[in-house]
Amino acid sequence: VTDFFASTADYVVRFQGGNNAGHT
């Protein structure tokens, strides 16, 4: 889903967590 939005975004901002999260 984030990839879907990121394709037209100027900025993508992670706002919490660390490398305990993962997505493919």
mmCIF file of all heavy atoms, coordinates in Angstrom:
data_MODEL
# 
_entry.id   MODEL 
# 
loop_
_atom_site.group_PDB 
_atom_site.id 
_atom_site.type_symbol 
_atom_site.label_atom_id 
_atom_site.label_alt_id 
_atom_site.label_comp_id 
_atom_site.label_asym_id 
_atom_site.label_entity_id 
_atom_site.label_seq_id 
_atom_site.pdbx_PDB_ins_code 
_atom_site.Cartn_x 
_atom_site.Cartn_y 
_atom_site.Cartn_z 
_atom_site.occupancy 
_atom_site.B_iso_or_equiv 
_atom_site.pdbx_formal_charge 
_atom_site.auth_seq_id 
_atom_site.auth_comp_id 
_atom_site.auth_asym_id 
_atom_site.auth_atom_id 
_atom_site.pdbx_PDB_model_num 
ATOM 1   N N   . VAL A 1 1  ? 0.825  -1.207 0.000  1.00 0.00 ? 1  VAL A N   1 
ATOM 2   C CA  . VAL A 1 1  ? 0.000  0.000  0.000  1.00 0.00 ? 1  VAL A CA  1 
ATOM 3   C C   . VAL A 1 1  ? 0.861  1.259  0.000  1.00 0.00 ? 1  VAL A C   1 
ATOM 4   O O   . VAL A 1 1  ? 0.603  2.208  -0.746 1.00 0.00 ? 1  VAL A O   1 
ATOM 5   C CB  . VAL A 1 1  ? -0.966 -0.004 1.196  1.00 0.00 ? 1  VAL A CB  1 
ATOM 6   C CG1 . VAL A 1 1  ? -1.755 1.309  1.246  1.00 0.00 ? 1  VAL A CG1 1 
ATOM 7   C CG2 . VAL A 1 1  ? -1.912 -1.188 1.108  1.00 0.00 ? 1  VAL A CG2 1 
ATOM 8   N N   . THR A 1 2  ? 1.900  1.278  0.831  1.00 0.00 ? 2  THR A N   1 
ATOM 9   C CA  . THR A 1 2  ? 2.771  2.444  0.851  1.00 0.00 ? 2  THR A CA  1 
ATOM 10  C C   . THR A 1 2  ? 3.509  2.586  -0.470 1.00 0.00 ? 2  THR A C   1 
ATOM 11  O O   . THR A 1 2  ? 3.742  3.696  -0.945 1.00 0.00 ? 2  THR A O   1 
ATOM 12  C CB  . THR A 1 2  ? 3.786  2.373  2.012  1.00 0.00 ? 2  THR A CB  1 
ATOM 13  O OG1 . THR A 1 2  ? 4.503  1.133  1.968  1.00 0.00 ? 2  THR A OG1 1 
ATOM 14  C CG2 . THR A 1 2  ? 3.096  2.498  3.347  1.00 0.00 ? 2  THR A CG2 1 
ATOM 15  N N   . ASP A 1 3  ? 3.862  1.464  -1.076 1.00 0.00 ? 3  ASP A N   1 
ATOM 16  C CA  . ASP A 1 3  ? 4.489  1.507  -2.399 1.00 0.00 ? 3  ASP A CA  1 
ATOM 17  C C   . ASP A 1 3  ? 3.538  2.115  -3.419 1.00 0.00 ? 3  ASP A C   1 
ATOM 18  O O   . ASP A 1 3  ? 3.948  2.890  -4.291 1.00 0.00 ? 3  ASP A O   1 
ATOM 19  C CB  . ASP A 1 3  ? 4.907  0.095  -2.817 1.00 0.00 ? 3  ASP A CB  1 
ATOM 20  C CG  . ASP A 1 3  ? 5.574  0.069  -4.180 1.00 0.00 ? 3  ASP A CG  1 
ATOM 21  O OD1 . ASP A 1 3  ? 6.666  0.645  -4.326 1.00 0.00 ? 3  ASP A OD1 1 
ATOM 22  O OD2 . ASP A 1 3  ? 4.994  -0.535 -5.108 1.00 0.00 ? 3  ASP A OD2 1 
ATOM 23  N N   . PHE A 1 4  ? 2.261  1.786  -3.307 1.00 0.00 ? 4  PHE A N   1 
ATOM 24  C CA  . PHE A 1 4  ? 1.233  2.338  -4.194 1.00 0.00 ? 4  PHE A CA  1 
ATOM 25  C C   . PHE A 1 4  ? 1.188  3.861  -4.090 1.00 0.00 ? 4  PHE A C   1 
ATOM 26  O O   . PHE A 1 4  ? 1.168  4.574  -5.099 1.00 0.00 ? 4  PHE A O   1 
ATOM 27  C CB  . PHE A 1 4  ? -0.123 1.725  -3.831 1.00 0.00 ? 4  PHE A CB  1 
ATOM 28  C CG  . PHE A 1 4  ? -1.299 2.323  -4.543 1.00 0.00 ? 4  PHE A CG  1 
ATOM 29  C CD1 . PHE A 1 4  ? -1.591 1.964  -5.845 1.00 0.00 ? 4  PHE A CD1 1 
ATOM 30  C CD2 . PHE A 1 4  ? -2.117 3.240  -3.906 1.00 0.00 ? 4  PHE A CD2 1 
ATOM 31  C CE1 . PHE A 1 4  ? -2.692 2.523  -6.501 1.00 0.00 ? 4  PHE A CE1 1 
ATOM 32  C CE2 . PHE A 1 4  ? -3.216 3.796  -4.556 1.00 0.00 ? 4  PHE A CE2 1 
ATOM 33  C CZ  . PHE A 1 4  ? -3.497 3.434  -5.846 1.00 0.00 ? 4  PHE A CZ  1 
ATOM 34  N N   . PHE A 1 5  ? 1.197  4.388  -2.881 1.00 0.00 ? 5  PHE A N   1 
ATOM 35  C CA  . PHE A 1 5  ? 1.166  5.830  -2.678 1.00 0.00 ? 5  PHE A CA  1 
ATOM 36  C C   . PHE A 1 5  ? 2.521  6.477  -2.961 1.00 0.00 ? 5  PHE A C   1 
ATOM 37  O O   . PHE A 1 5  ? 2.595  7.601  -3.457 1.00 0.00 ? 5  PHE A O   1 
ATOM 38  C CB  . PHE A 1 5  ? 0.738  6.156  -1.253 1.00 0.00 ? 5  PHE A CB  1 
ATOM 39  C CG  . PHE A 1 5  ? -0.734 6.043  -1.008 1.00 0.00 ? 5  PHE A CG  1 
ATOM 40  C CD1 . PHE A 1 5  ? -1.243 4.998  -0.259 1.00 0.00 ? 5  PHE A CD1 1 
ATOM 41  C CD2 . PHE A 1 5  ? -1.609 6.986  -1.509 1.00 0.00 ? 5  PHE A CD2 1 
ATOM 42  C CE1 . PHE A 1 5  ? -2.607 4.884  -0.022 1.00 0.00 ? 5  PHE A CE1 1 
ATOM 43  C CE2 . PHE A 1 5  ? -2.974 6.885  -1.280 1.00 0.00 ? 5  PHE A CE2 1 
ATOM 44  C CZ  . PHE A 1 5  ? -3.471 5.825  -0.533 1.00 0.00 ? 5  PHE A CZ  1 
ATOM 45  N N   . ALA A 1 6  ? 3.599  5.775  -2.617 1.00 0.00 ? 6  ALA A N   1 
ATOM 46  C CA  . ALA A 1 6  ? 4.933  6.334  -2.775 1.00 0.00 ? 6  ALA A CA  1 
ATOM 47  C C   . ALA A 1 6  ? 5.269  6.631  -4.230 1.00 0.00 ? 6  ALA A C   1 
ATOM 48  O O   . ALA A 1 6  ? 6.081  7.506  -4.523 1.00 0.00 ? 6  ALA A O   1 
ATOM 49  C CB  . ALA A 1 6  ? 5.981  5.387  -2.186 1.00 0.00 ? 6  ALA A CB  1 
ATOM 50  N N   . SER A 1 7  ? 4.645  5.925  -5.143 1.00 0.00 ? 7  SER A N   1 
ATOM 51  C CA  . SER A 1 7  ? 4.942  6.107  -6.562 1.00 0.00 ? 7  SER A CA  1 
ATOM 52  C C   . SER A 1 7  ? 4.635  7.525  -7.041 1.00 0.00 ? 7  SER A C   1 
ATOM 53  O O   . SER A 1 7  ? 5.201  7.981  -8.036 1.00 0.00 ? 7  SER A O   1 
ATOM 54  C CB  . SER A 1 7  ? 4.157  5.092  -7.403 1.00 0.00 ? 7  SER A CB  1 
ATOM 55  O OG  . SER A 1 7  ? 2.754  5.296  -7.283 1.00 0.00 ? 7  SER A OG  1 
ATOM 56  N N   . THR A 1 8  ? 3.751  8.234  -6.338 1.00 0.00 ? 8  THR A N   1 
ATOM 57  C CA  . THR A 1 8  ? 3.405  9.603  -6.717 1.00 0.00 ? 8  THR A CA  1 
ATOM 58  C C   . THR A 1 8  ? 3.734  10.617 -5.622 1.00 0.00 ? 8  THR A C   1 
ATOM 59  O O   . THR A 1 8  ? 3.344  11.778 -5.709 1.00 0.00 ? 8  THR A O   1 
ATOM 60  C CB  . THR A 1 8  ? 1.904  9.712  -7.053 1.00 0.00 ? 8  THR A CB  1 
ATOM 61  O OG1 . THR A 1 8  ? 1.123  9.252  -5.937 1.00 0.00 ? 8  THR A OG1 1 
ATOM 62  C CG2 . THR A 1 8  ? 1.564  8.869  -8.276 1.00 0.00 ? 8  THR A CG2 1 
ATOM 63  N N   . ALA A 1 9  ? 4.458  10.175 -4.594 1.00 0.00 ? 9  ALA A N   1 
ATOM 64  C CA  . ALA A 1 9  ? 4.773  11.048 -3.467 1.00 0.00 ? 9  ALA A CA  1 
ATOM 65  C C   . ALA A 1 9  ? 6.111  11.754 -3.665 1.00 0.00 ? 9  ALA A C   1 
ATOM 66  O O   . ALA A 1 9  ? 7.035  11.220 -4.277 1.00 0.00 ? 9  ALA A O   1 
ATOM 67  C CB  . ALA A 1 9  ? 4.801  10.254 -2.162 1.00 0.00 ? 9  ALA A CB  1 
ATOM 68  N N   . ASP A 1 10 ? 6.199  12.963 -3.121 1.00 0.00 ? 10 ASP A N   1 
ATOM 69  C CA  . ASP A 1 10 ? 7.469  13.683 -3.108 1.00 0.00 ? 10 ASP A CA  1 
ATOM 70  C C   . ASP A 1 10 ? 8.308  13.298 -1.887 1.00 0.00 ? 10 ASP A C   1 
ATOM 71  O O   . ASP A 1 10 ? 9.538  13.317 -1.943 1.00 0.00 ? 10 ASP A O   1 
ATOM 72  C CB  . ASP A 1 10 ? 7.215  15.193 -3.103 1.00 0.00 ? 10 ASP A CB  1 
ATOM 73  C CG  . ASP A 1 10 ? 6.484  15.665 -4.342 1.00 0.00 ? 10 ASP A CG  1 
ATOM 74  O OD1 . ASP A 1 10 ? 7.006  15.453 -5.453 1.00 0.00 ? 10 ASP A OD1 1 
ATOM 75  O OD2 . ASP A 1 10 ? 5.375  16.247 -4.210 1.00 0.00 ? 10 ASP A OD2 1 
ATOM 76  N N   . TYR A 1 11 ? 7.609  12.959 -0.796 1.00 0.00 ? 11 TYR A N   1 
ATOM 77  C CA  . TYR A 1 11 ? 8.273  12.565 0.445  1.00 0.00 ? 11 TYR A CA  1 
ATOM 78  C C   . TYR A 1 11 ? 7.518  11.386 1.060  1.00 0.00 ? 11 TYR A C   1 
ATOM 79  O O   . TYR A 1 11 ? 6.281  11.363 1.056  1.00 0.00 ? 11 TYR A O   1 
ATOM 80  C CB  . TYR A 1 11 ? 8.297  13.714 1.470  1.00 0.00 ? 11 TYR A CB  1 
ATOM 81  C CG  . TYR A 1 11 ? 9.111  14.915 1.042  1.00 0.00 ? 11 TYR A CG  1 
ATOM 82  C CD1 . TYR A 1 11 ? 8.558  15.880 0.199  1.00 0.00 ? 11 TYR A CD1 1 
ATOM 83  C CD2 . TYR A 1 11 ? 10.408 15.094 1.493  1.00 0.00 ? 11 TYR A CD2 1 
ATOM 84  C CE1 . TYR A 1 11 ? 9.309  16.980 -0.208 1.00 0.00 ? 11 TYR A CE1 1 
ATOM 85  C CE2 . TYR A 1 11 ? 11.159 16.196 1.101  1.00 0.00 ? 11 TYR A CE2 1 
ATOM 86  C CZ  . TYR A 1 11 ? 10.603 17.120 0.252  1.00 0.00 ? 11 TYR A CZ  1 
ATOM 87  O OH  . TYR A 1 11 ? 11.343 18.213 -0.139 1.00 0.00 ? 11 TYR A OH  1 
ATOM 88  N N   . VAL A 1 12 ? 8.263  10.415 1.596  1.00 0.00 ? 12 VAL A N   1 
ATOM 89  C CA  . VAL A 1 12 ? 7.684  9.347  2.404  1.00 0.00 ? 12 VAL A CA  1 
ATOM 90  C C   . VAL A 1 12 ? 8.367  9.394  3.766  1.00 0.00 ? 12 VAL A C   1 
ATOM 91  O O   . VAL A 1 12 ? 9.597  9.298  3.853  1.00 0.00 ? 12 VAL A O   1 
ATOM 92  C CB  . VAL A 1 12 ? 7.853  7.958  1.775  1.00 0.00 ? 12 VAL A CB  1 
ATOM 93  C CG1 . VAL A 1 12 ? 7.328  6.883  2.721  1.00 0.00 ? 12 VAL A CG1 1 
ATOM 94  C CG2 . VAL A 1 12 ? 7.109  7.873  0.448  1.00 0.00 ? 12 VAL A CG2 1 
ATOM 95  N N   . VAL A 1 13 ? 7.560  9.525  4.830  1.00 0.00 ? 13 VAL A N   1 
ATOM 96  C CA  . VAL A 1 13 ? 8.096  9.758  6.161  1.00 0.00 ? 13 VAL A CA  1 
ATOM 97  C C   . VAL A 1 13 ? 7.717  8.608  7.100  1.00 0.00 ? 13 VAL A C   1 
ATOM 98  O O   . VAL A 1 13 ? 6.527  8.364  7.338  1.00 0.00 ? 13 VAL A O   1 
ATOM 99  C CB  . VAL A 1 13 ? 7.561  11.087 6.747  1.00 0.00 ? 13 VAL A CB  1 
ATOM 100 C CG1 . VAL A 1 13 ? 8.228  11.369 8.097  1.00 0.00 ? 13 VAL A CG1 1 
ATOM 101 C CG2 . VAL A 1 13 ? 7.784  12.245 5.781  1.00 0.00 ? 13 VAL A CG2 1 
ATOM 102 N N   . ARG A 1 14 ? 8.725  7.891  7.620  1.00 0.00 ? 14 ARG A N   1 
ATOM 103 C CA  . ARG A 1 14 ? 8.502  6.945  8.721  1.00 0.00 ? 14 ARG A CA  1 
ATOM 104 C C   . ARG A 1 14 ? 8.399  7.740  10.009 1.00 0.00 ? 14 ARG A C   1 
ATOM 105 O O   . ARG A 1 14 ? 9.255  8.563  10.306 1.00 0.00 ? 14 ARG A O   1 
ATOM 106 C CB  . ARG A 1 14 ? 9.666  5.954  8.813  1.00 0.00 ? 14 ARG A CB  1 
ATOM 107 C CG  . ARG A 1 14 ? 9.551  4.729  7.959  1.00 0.00 ? 14 ARG A CG  1 
ATOM 108 C CD  . ARG A 1 14 ? 8.627  3.663  8.505  1.00 0.00 ? 14 ARG A CD  1 
ATOM 109 N NE  . ARG A 1 14 ? 8.911  3.242  9.869  1.00 0.00 ? 14 ARG A NE  1 
ATOM 110 C CZ  . ARG A 1 14 ? 9.748  2.261  10.219 1.00 0.00 ? 14 ARG A CZ  1 
ATOM 111 N NH1 . ARG A 1 14 ? 10.415 1.607  9.281  1.00 0.00 ? 14 ARG A NH1 1 
ATOM 112 N NH2 . ARG A 1 14 ? 9.933  1.932  11.482 1.00 0.00 ? 14 ARG A NH2 1 
ATOM 113 N N   . PHE A 1 15 ? 7.369  7.478  10.814 1.00 0.00 ? 15 PHE A N   1 
ATOM 114 C CA  . PHE A 1 15 ? 7.174  8.312  12.002 1.00 0.00 ? 15 PHE A CA  1 
ATOM 115 C C   . PHE A 1 15 ? 7.310  7.573  13.331 1.00 0.00 ? 15 PHE A C   1 
ATOM 116 O O   . PHE A 1 15 ? 7.239  8.212  14.381 1.00 0.00 ? 15 PHE A O   1 
ATOM 117 C CB  . PHE A 1 15 ? 5.829  9.049  11.934 1.00 0.00 ? 15 PHE A CB  1 
ATOM 118 C CG  . PHE A 1 15 ? 4.608  8.167  11.838 1.00 0.00 ? 15 PHE A CG  1 
ATOM 119 C CD1 . PHE A 1 15 ? 4.039  7.600  12.962 1.00 0.00 ? 15 PHE A CD1 1 
ATOM 120 C CD2 . PHE A 1 15 ? 4.003  7.932  10.610 1.00 0.00 ? 15 PHE A CD2 1 
ATOM 121 C CE1 . PHE A 1 15 ? 2.914  6.811  12.873 1.00 0.00 ? 15 PHE A CE1 1 
ATOM 122 C CE2 . PHE A 1 15 ? 2.867  7.131  10.508 1.00 0.00 ? 15 PHE A CE2 1 
ATOM 123 C CZ  . PHE A 1 15 ? 2.321  6.574  11.637 1.00 0.00 ? 15 PHE A CZ  1 
ATOM 124 N N   . GLN A 1 16 ? 7.507  6.257  13.324 1.00 0.00 ? 16 GLN A N   1 
ATOM 125 C CA  . GLN A 1 16 ? 7.699  5.532  14.577 1.00 0.00 ? 16 GLN A CA  1 
ATOM 126 C C   . GLN A 1 16 ? 8.315  4.177  14.309 1.00 0.00 ? 16 GLN A C   1 
ATOM 127 O O   . GLN A 1 16 ? 8.369  3.712  13.174 1.00 0.00 ? 16 GLN A O   1 
ATOM 128 C CB  . GLN A 1 16 ? 6.384  5.353  15.344 1.00 0.00 ? 16 GLN A CB  1 
ATOM 129 C CG  . GLN A 1 16 ? 5.210  4.804  14.570 1.00 0.00 ? 16 GLN A CG  1 
ATOM 130 C CD  . GLN A 1 16 ? 5.182  3.289  14.305 1.00 0.00 ? 16 GLN A CD  1 
ATOM 131 O OE1 . GLN A 1 16 ? 4.722  2.845  13.269 1.00 0.00 ? 16 GLN A OE1 1 
ATOM 132 N NE2 . GLN A 1 16 ? 5.655  2.505  15.250 1.00 0.00 ? 16 GLN A NE2 1 
ATOM 133 N N   . GLY A 1 17 ? 8.792  3.550  15.403 1.00 0.00 ? 17 GLY A N   1 
ATOM 134 C CA  . GLY A 1 17 ? 9.348  2.217  15.301 1.00 0.00 ? 17 GLY A CA  1 
ATOM 135 C C   . GLY A 1 17 ? 10.770 2.205  14.772 1.00 0.00 ? 17 GLY A C   1 
ATOM 136 O O   . GLY A 1 17 ? 11.386 3.255  14.529 1.00 0.00 ? 17 GLY A O   1 
ATOM 137 N N   . GLY A 1 18 ? 11.273 1.016  14.609 1.00 0.00 ? 18 GLY A N   1 
ATOM 138 C CA  . GLY A 1 18 ? 12.627 0.848  14.103 1.00 0.00 ? 18 GLY A CA  1 
ATOM 139 C C   . GLY A 1 18 ? 12.693 -0.347 13.175 1.00 0.00 ? 18 GLY A C   1 
ATOM 140 O O   . GLY A 1 18 ? 11.733 -0.618 12.436 1.00 0.00 ? 18 GLY A O   1 
ATOM 141 N N   . ASN A 1 19 ? 13.786 -1.096 13.241 1.00 0.00 ? 19 ASN A N   1 
ATOM 142 C CA  . ASN A 1 19 ? 13.923 -2.246 12.359 1.00 0.00 ? 19 ASN A CA  1 
ATOM 143 C C   . ASN A 1 19 ? 13.262 -3.497 12.920 1.00 0.00 ? 19 ASN A C   1 
ATOM 144 O O   . ASN A 1 19 ? 13.541 -4.606 12.466 1.00 0.00 ? 19 ASN A O   1 
ATOM 145 C CB  . ASN A 1 19 ? 15.395 -2.522 12.032 1.00 0.00 ? 19 ASN A CB  1 
ATOM 146 C CG  . ASN A 1 19 ? 16.242 -2.842 13.238 1.00 0.00 ? 19 ASN A CG  1 
ATOM 147 O OD1 . ASN A 1 19 ? 16.198 -2.131 14.242 1.00 0.00 ? 19 ASN A OD1 1 
ATOM 148 N ND2 . ASN A 1 19 ? 17.036 -3.898 13.174 1.00 0.00 ? 19 ASN A ND2 1 
ATOM 149 N N   . ASN A 1 20 ? 12.385 -3.304 13.908 1.00 0.00 ? 20 ASN A N   1 
ATOM 150 C CA  . ASN A 1 20 ? 11.520 -4.398 14.353 1.00 0.00 ? 20 ASN A CA  1 
ATOM 151 C C   . ASN A 1 20 ? 10.340 -4.572 13.422 1.00 0.00 ? 20 ASN A C   1 
ATOM 152 O O   . ASN A 1 20 ? 9.594  -5.537 13.539 1.00 0.00 ? 20 ASN A O   1 
ATOM 153 C CB  . ASN A 1 20 ? 11.028 -4.150 15.782 1.00 0.00 ? 20 ASN A CB  1 
ATOM 154 C CG  . ASN A 1 20 ? 10.284 -2.837 15.933 1.00 0.00 ? 20 ASN A CG  1 
ATOM 155 O OD1 . ASN A 1 20 ? 10.534 -1.871 15.221 1.00 0.00 ? 20 ASN A OD1 1 
ATOM 156 N ND2 . ASN A 1 20 ? 9.382  -2.778 16.894 1.00 0.00 ? 20 ASN A ND2 1 
ATOM 157 N N   . ALA A 1 21 ? 10.140 -3.612 12.535 1.00 0.00 ? 21 ALA A N   1 
ATOM 158 C CA  . ALA A 1 21 ? 9.066  -3.697 11.546 1.00 0.00 ? 21 ALA A CA  1 
ATOM 159 C C   . ALA A 1 21 ? 9.649  -4.138 10.220 1.00 0.00 ? 21 ALA A C   1 
ATOM 160 O O   . ALA A 1 21 ? 10.802 -3.874 9.918  1.00 0.00 ? 21 ALA A O   1 
ATOM 161 C CB  . ALA A 1 21 ? 8.396  -2.333 11.391 1.00 0.00 ? 21 ALA A CB  1 
ATOM 162 N N   . GLY A 1 22 ? 8.866  -4.819 9.435  1.00 0.00 ? 22 GLY A N   1 
ATOM 163 C CA  . GLY A 1 22 ? 9.341  -5.240 8.133  1.00 0.00 ? 22 GLY A CA  1 
ATOM 164 C C   . GLY A 1 22 ? 8.220  -5.330 7.134  1.00 0.00 ? 22 GLY A C   1 
ATOM 165 O O   . GLY A 1 22 ? 7.094  -5.675 7.483  1.00 0.00 ? 22 GLY A O   1 
ATOM 166 N N   . HIS A 1 23 ? 8.506  -4.972 5.910  1.00 0.00 ? 23 HIS A N   1 
ATOM 167 C CA  . HIS A 1 23 ? 7.516  -5.171 4.859  1.00 0.00 ? 23 HIS A CA  1 
ATOM 168 C C   . HIS A 1 23 ? 8.225  -5.514 3.560  1.00 0.00 ? 23 HIS A C   1 
ATOM 169 O O   . HIS A 1 23 ? 9.374  -5.125 3.328  1.00 0.00 ? 23 HIS A O   1 
ATOM 170 C CB  . HIS A 1 23 ? 6.624  -3.933 4.678  1.00 0.00 ? 23 HIS A CB  1 
ATOM 171 C CG  . HIS A 1 23 ? 7.370  -2.654 4.427  1.00 0.00 ? 23 HIS A CG  1 
ATOM 172 N ND1 . HIS A 1 23 ? 7.637  -1.746 5.428  1.00 0.00 ? 23 HIS A ND1 1 
ATOM 173 C CD2 . HIS A 1 23 ? 7.896  -2.137 3.323  1.00 0.00 ? 23 HIS A CD2 1 
ATOM 174 C CE1 . HIS A 1 23 ? 8.308  -0.721 4.925  1.00 0.00 ? 23 HIS A CE1 1 
ATOM 175 N NE2 . HIS A 1 23 ? 8.470  -0.938 3.641  1.00 0.00 ? 23 HIS A NE2 1 
ATOM 176 N N   . THR A 1 24 ? 7.526  -6.272 2.754  1.00 0.00 ? 24 THR A N   1 
ATOM 177 C CA  . THR A 1 24 ? 8.083  -6.750 1.497  1.00 0.00 ? 24 THR A CA  1 
ATOM 178 C C   . THR A 1 24 ? 7.321  -6.151 0.325  1.00 0.00 ? 24 THR A C   1 
ATOM 179 O O   . THR A 1 24 ? 6.092  -6.150 0.309  1.00 0.00 ? 24 THR A O   1 
ATOM 180 C CB  . THR A 1 24 ? 8.027  -8.285 1.423  1.00 0.00 ? 24 THR A CB  1 
ATOM 181 O OG1 . THR A 1 24 ? 8.752  -8.847 2.517  1.00 0.00 ? 24 THR A OG1 1 
ATOM 182 C CG2 . THR A 1 24 ? 8.627  -8.786 0.122  1.00 0.00 ? 24 THR A CG2 1 
# 
